[in-house]
Amino acid sequence: MHQGVGVIGMHPFYGPSGRLLSGSGSRVAGLLSMAAYLAFWAAALVVAKRELDARWPKGQRSGESDDPAMAVLRERFARGDLDESQFRAMSRILHEGPDGAP
Protein backbone atom coordinates (compact mmCIF):
# COMPACT_ATOMS: atom_id res chain seq x y z
CA MET A 1 0.00 0.00 0.00
CA HIS A 2 1.30 3.46 -0.90
CA GLN A 3 1.95 6.00 1.81
CA GLY A 4 -0.82 8.65 1.95
CA VAL A 5 -3.30 6.73 -0.20
CA GLY A 6 -4.85 4.49 2.43
CA VAL A 7 -6.77 5.41 5.54
CA ILE A 8 -3.61 5.34 7.62
CA GLY A 9 -1.98 8.25 5.81
CA MET A 10 -5.14 10.35 5.46
CA HIS A 11 -4.95 13.89 6.78
CA PRO A 12 -7.63 14.63 9.40
CA PHE A 13 -8.91 17.62 7.41
CA TYR A 14 -9.91 15.44 4.46
CA GLY A 15 -11.45 12.57 6.37
CA PRO A 16 -13.46 11.96 9.52
CA SER A 17 -11.67 13.02 12.65
CA GLY A 18 -12.53 12.22 16.22
CA ARG A 19 -11.69 15.77 17.25
CA LEU A 20 -14.23 17.26 14.83
CA LEU A 21 -17.03 14.81 15.61
CA SER A 22 -16.87 14.89 19.40
CA GLY A 23 -18.39 17.45 21.70
CA SER A 24 -21.13 20.04 21.33
CA GLY A 25 -18.64 22.77 20.39
CA SER A 26 -18.20 21.22 16.97
CA ARG A 27 -21.93 21.54 16.28
CA VAL A 28 -21.85 25.25 17.13
CA ALA A 29 -18.73 25.70 15.03
CA GLY A 30 -20.42 23.87 12.16
CA LEU A 31 -23.48 26.11 12.35
CA LEU A 32 -21.31 29.22 12.52
CA SER A 33 -19.31 28.01 9.54
CA MET A 34 -22.50 27.37 7.55
CA ALA A 35 -23.89 30.81 8.49
CA ALA A 36 -20.64 32.49 7.41
CA TYR A 37 -20.71 30.58 4.12
CA LEU A 38 -24.31 31.64 3.42
CA ALA A 39 -23.57 35.25 4.41
CA PHE A 40 -20.58 35.33 2.06
CA TRP A 41 -22.63 34.14 -0.92
CA ALA A 42 -25.52 36.47 -0.10
CA ALA A 43 -23.11 39.42 -0.03
CA ALA A 44 -21.45 38.24 -3.26
CA LEU A 45 -24.83 38.07 -5.01
CA VAL A 46 -25.79 41.56 -3.80
CA VAL A 47 -22.50 42.98 -5.08
CA ALA A 48 -22.87 41.17 -8.41
CA LYS A 49 -26.43 42.50 -8.86
CA ARG A 50 -25.30 46.06 -8.08
CA GLU A 51 -22.50 45.78 -10.62
CA LEU A 52 -24.83 44.43 -13.30
CA ASP A 53 -27.38 47.17 -12.63
CA ALA A 54 -24.67 49.84 -12.77
CA ARG A 55 -23.16 48.56 -16.02
CA TRP A 56 -26.40 47.67 -17.82
CA PRO A 57 -29.44 49.64 -16.65
CA LYS A 58 -32.78 47.88 -16.84
CA GLY A 59 -33.90 49.45 -20.12
CA GLN A 60 -30.67 48.54 -21.89
CA ARG A 61 -30.73 44.92 -20.71
CA SER A 62 -34.22 44.22 -21.97
CA GLY A 63 -33.90 46.25 -25.16
CA GLU A 64 -36.44 48.83 -24.00
CA SER A 65 -35.86 52.55 -23.93
CA ASP A 66 -36.62 54.76 -20.96
CA ASP A 67 -38.90 56.92 -23.14
CA PRO A 68 -42.44 56.70 -21.73
CA ALA A 69 -43.96 57.93 -25.02
CA MET A 70 -42.43 54.98 -26.90
CA ALA A 71 -43.70 52.62 -24.21
CA VAL A 72 -47.25 53.95 -24.67
CA LEU A 73 -46.89 53.75 -28.44
CA ARG A 74 -45.73 50.12 -28.26
CA GLU A 75 -48.61 49.31 -25.92
CA ARG A 76 -51.19 50.88 -28.26
CA PHE A 77 -49.69 48.98 -31.21
CA ALA A 78 -49.83 45.73 -29.22
CA ARG A 79 -53.50 46.33 -28.34
CA GLY A 80 -54.31 46.92 -32.00
CA ASP A 81 -55.22 50.60 -31.64
CA LEU A 82 -52.61 51.47 -34.31
CA ASP A 83 -51.71 49.70 -37.52
CA GLU A 84 -48.10 49.22 -38.59
CA SER A 85 -47.87 52.33 -40.77
CA GLN A 86 -49.26 54.53 -37.99
CA PHE A 87 -46.87 52.97 -35.48
CA ARG A 88 -43.85 53.50 -37.75
CA ALA A 89 -44.84 57.11 -38.52
CA MET A 90 -45.40 57.98 -34.87
CA SER A 91 -42.20 56.28 -33.70
CA ARG A 92 -40.24 58.11 -36.40
CA ILE A 93 -41.72 61.40 -35.19
CA LEU A 94 -40.82 60.55 -31.60
CA HIS A 95 -37.24 59.66 -32.52
CA GLU A 96 -36.55 62.40 -35.07
CA GLY A 97 -38.97 65.12 -34.08
CA PRO A 98 -41.80 66.60 -36.18
CA ASP A 99 -39.43 68.39 -38.57
CA GLY A 100 -37.28 65.29 -39.19
CA ALA A 101 -34.27 66.48 -37.20
CA PRO A 102 -32.98 64.21 -34.39
C-alpha atoms as a PDB file:
ATOM      1  CA  MET A   1       0.000   0.000   0.000  1.00  0.00           C
ATOM      2  CA  HIS A   2       1.298   3.464  -0.903  1.00  0.00           C
ATOM      3  CA  GLN A   3       1.945   5.999   1.807  1.00  0.00           C
ATOM      4  CA  GLY A   4      -0.816   8.652   1.948  1.00  0.00           C
ATOM      5  CA  VAL A   5      -3.296   6.727  -0.201  1.00  0.00           C
ATOM      6  CA  GLY A   6      -4.855   4.491   2.426  1.00  0.00           C
ATOM      7  CA  VAL A   7      -6.769   5.405   5.543  1.00  0.00           C
ATOM      8  CA  ILE A   8      -3.613   5.342   7.620  1.00  0.00           C
ATOM      9  CA  GLY A   9      -1.982   8.254   5.811  1.00  0.00           C
ATOM     10  CA  MET A  10      -5.138  10.349   5.458  1.00  0.00           C
ATOM     11  CA  HIS A  11      -4.949  13.886   6.777  1.00  0.00           C
ATOM     12  CA  PRO A  12      -7.633  14.628   9.401  1.00  0.00           C
ATOM     13  CA  PHE A  13      -8.915  17.619   7.414  1.00  0.00           C
ATOM     14  CA  TYR A  14      -9.909  15.438   4.462  1.00  0.00           C
ATOM     15  CA  GLY A  15     -11.449  12.566   6.368  1.00  0.00           C
ATOM     16  CA  PRO A  16     -13.464  11.957   9.519  1.00  0.00           C
ATOM     17  CA  SER A  17     -11.666  13.020  12.655  1.00  0.00           C
ATOM     18  CA  GLY A  18     -12.533  12.218  16.223  1.00  0.00           C
ATOM     19  CA  ARG A  19     -11.688  15.766  17.252  1.00  0.00           C
ATOM     20  CA  LEU A  20     -14.226  17.257  14.833  1.00  0.00           C
ATOM     21  CA  LEU A  21     -17.027  14.809  15.607  1.00  0.00           C
ATOM     22  CA  SER A  22     -16.867  14.887  19.405  1.00  0.00           C
ATOM     23  CA  GLY A  23     -18.392  17.454  21.700  1.00  0.00           C
ATOM     24  CA  SER A  24     -21.130  20.038  21.325  1.00  0.00           C
ATOM     25  CA  GLY A  25     -18.640  22.769  20.393  1.00  0.00           C
ATOM     26  CA  SER A  26     -18.201  21.222  16.972  1.00  0.00           C
ATOM     27  CA  ARG A  27     -21.932  21.542  16.283  1.00  0.00           C
ATOM     28  CA  VAL A  28     -21.848  25.246  17.127  1.00  0.00           C
ATOM     29  CA  ALA A  29     -18.726  25.704  15.028  1.00  0.00           C
ATOM     30  CA  GLY A  30     -20.415  23.866  12.164  1.00  0.00           C
ATOM     31  CA  LEU A  31     -23.485  26.113  12.353  1.00  0.00           C
ATOM     32  CA  LEU A  32     -21.314  29.224  12.516  1.00  0.00           C
ATOM     33  CA  SER A  33     -19.314  28.006   9.542  1.00  0.00           C
ATOM     34  CA  MET A  34     -22.503  27.370   7.554  1.00  0.00           C
ATOM     35  CA  ALA A  35     -23.892  30.809   8.491  1.00  0.00           C
ATOM     36  CA  ALA A  36     -20.642  32.489   7.413  1.00  0.00           C
ATOM     37  CA  TYR A  37     -20.711  30.577   4.125  1.00  0.00           C
ATOM     38  CA  LEU A  38     -24.307  31.637   3.422  1.00  0.00           C
ATOM     39  CA  ALA A  39     -23.571  35.251   4.412  1.00  0.00           C
ATOM     40  CA  PHE A  40     -20.583  35.332   2.059  1.00  0.00           C
ATOM     41  CA  TRP A  41     -22.632  34.135  -0.922  1.00  0.00           C
ATOM     42  CA  ALA A  42     -25.522  36.471  -0.098  1.00  0.00           C
ATOM     43  CA  ALA A  43     -23.114  39.423  -0.032  1.00  0.00           C
ATOM     44  CA  ALA A  44     -21.453  38.240  -3.258  1.00  0.00           C
ATOM     45  CA  LEU A  45     -24.828  38.065  -5.011  1.00  0.00           C
ATOM     46  CA  VAL A  46     -25.793  41.556  -3.802  1.00  0.00           C
ATOM     47  CA  VAL A  47     -22.496  42.979  -5.076  1.00  0.00           C
ATOM     48  CA  ALA A  48     -22.873  41.171  -8.406  1.00  0.00           C
ATOM     49  CA  LYS A  49     -26.430  42.505  -8.858  1.00  0.00           C
ATOM     50  CA  ARG A  50     -25.302  46.061  -8.083  1.00  0.00           C
ATOM     51  CA  GLU A  51     -22.498  45.783 -10.623  1.00  0.00           C
ATOM     52  CA  LEU A  52     -24.832  44.432 -13.301  1.00  0.00           C
ATOM     53  CA  ASP A  53     -27.380  47.171 -12.634  1.00  0.00           C
ATOM     54  CA  ALA A  54     -24.671  49.838 -12.765  1.00  0.00           C
ATOM     55  CA  ARG A  55     -23.164  48.564 -16.016  1.00  0.00           C
ATOM     56  CA  TRP A  56     -26.396  47.667 -17.820  1.00  0.00           C
ATOM     57  CA  PRO A  57     -29.439  49.644 -16.648  1.00  0.00           C
ATOM     58  CA  LYS A  58     -32.779  47.877 -16.836  1.00  0.00           C
ATOM     59  CA  GLY A  59     -33.900  49.446 -20.121  1.00  0.00           C
ATOM     60  CA  GLN A  60     -30.665  48.542 -21.885  1.00  0.00           C
ATOM     61  CA  ARG A  61     -30.729  44.917 -20.712  1.00  0.00           C
ATOM     62  CA  SER A  62     -34.224  44.220 -21.974  1.00  0.00           C
ATOM     63  CA  GLY A  63     -33.901  46.255 -25.162  1.00  0.00           C
ATOM     64  CA  GLU A  64     -36.438  48.835 -24.003  1.00  0.00           C
ATOM     65  CA  SER A  65     -35.863  52.554 -23.933  1.00  0.00           C
ATOM     66  CA  ASP A  66     -36.619  54.760 -20.961  1.00  0.00           C
ATOM     67  CA  ASP A  67     -38.902  56.920 -23.144  1.00  0.00           C
ATOM     68  CA  PRO A  68     -42.441  56.700 -21.728  1.00  0.00           C
ATOM     69  CA  ALA A  69     -43.957  57.932 -25.017  1.00  0.00           C
ATOM     70  CA  MET A  70     -42.433  54.977 -26.895  1.00  0.00           C
ATOM     71  CA  ALA A  71     -43.701  52.617 -24.209  1.00  0.00           C
ATOM     72  CA  VAL A  72     -47.251  53.945 -24.669  1.00  0.00           C
ATOM     73  CA  LEU A  73     -46.890  53.748 -28.442  1.00  0.00           C
ATOM     74  CA  ARG A  74     -45.730  50.116 -28.259  1.00  0.00           C
ATOM     75  CA  GLU A  75     -48.607  49.312 -25.918  1.00  0.00           C
ATOM     76  CA  ARG A  76     -51.185  50.884 -28.263  1.00  0.00           C
ATOM     77  CA  PHE A  77     -49.689  48.981 -31.211  1.00  0.00           C
ATOM     78  CA  ALA A  78     -49.829  45.728 -29.224  1.00  0.00           C
ATOM     79  CA  ARG A  79     -53.495  46.332 -28.341  1.00  0.00           C
ATOM     80  CA  GLY A  80     -54.314  46.925 -31.996  1.00  0.00           C
ATOM     81  CA  ASP A  81     -55.219  50.599 -31.639  1.00  0.00           C
ATOM     82  CA  LEU A  82     -52.606  51.465 -34.311  1.00  0.00           C
ATOM     83  CA  ASP A  83     -51.714  49.705 -37.518  1.00  0.00           C
ATOM     84  CA  GLU A  84     -48.104  49.220 -38.594  1.00  0.00           C
ATOM     85  CA  SER A  85     -47.866  52.327 -40.769  1.00  0.00           C
ATOM     86  CA  GLN A  86     -49.262  54.534 -37.986  1.00  0.00           C
ATOM     87  CA  PHE A  87     -46.868  52.965 -35.481  1.00  0.00           C
ATOM     88  CA  ARG A  88     -43.847  53.503 -37.748  1.00  0.00           C
ATOM     89  CA  ALA A  89     -44.844  57.106 -38.521  1.00  0.00           C
ATOM     90  CA  MET A  90     -45.397  57.977 -34.865  1.00  0.00           C
ATOM     91  CA  SER A  91     -42.203  56.277 -33.703  1.00  0.00           C
ATOM     92  CA  ARG A  92     -40.240  58.105 -36.405  1.00  0.00           C
ATOM     93  CA  ILE A  93     -41.724  61.400 -35.190  1.00  0.00           C
ATOM     94  CA  LEU A  94     -40.818  60.548 -31.595  1.00  0.00           C
ATOM     95  CA  HIS A  95     -37.238  59.661 -32.516  1.00  0.00           C
ATOM     96  CA  GLU A  96     -36.552  62.400 -35.075  1.00  0.00           C
ATOM     97  CA  GLY A  97     -38.968  65.122 -34.082  1.00  0.00           C
ATOM     98  CA  PRO A  98     -41.797  66.596 -36.182  1.00  0.00           C
ATOM     99  CA  ASP A  99     -39.433  68.388 -38.566  1.00  0.00           C
ATOM    100  CA  GLY A 100     -37.282  65.288 -39.193  1.00  0.00           C
ATOM    101  CA  ALA A 101     -34.271  66.482 -37.203  1.00  0.00           C
ATOM    102  CA  PRO A 102     -32.981  64.208 -34.392  1.00  0.00           C
END
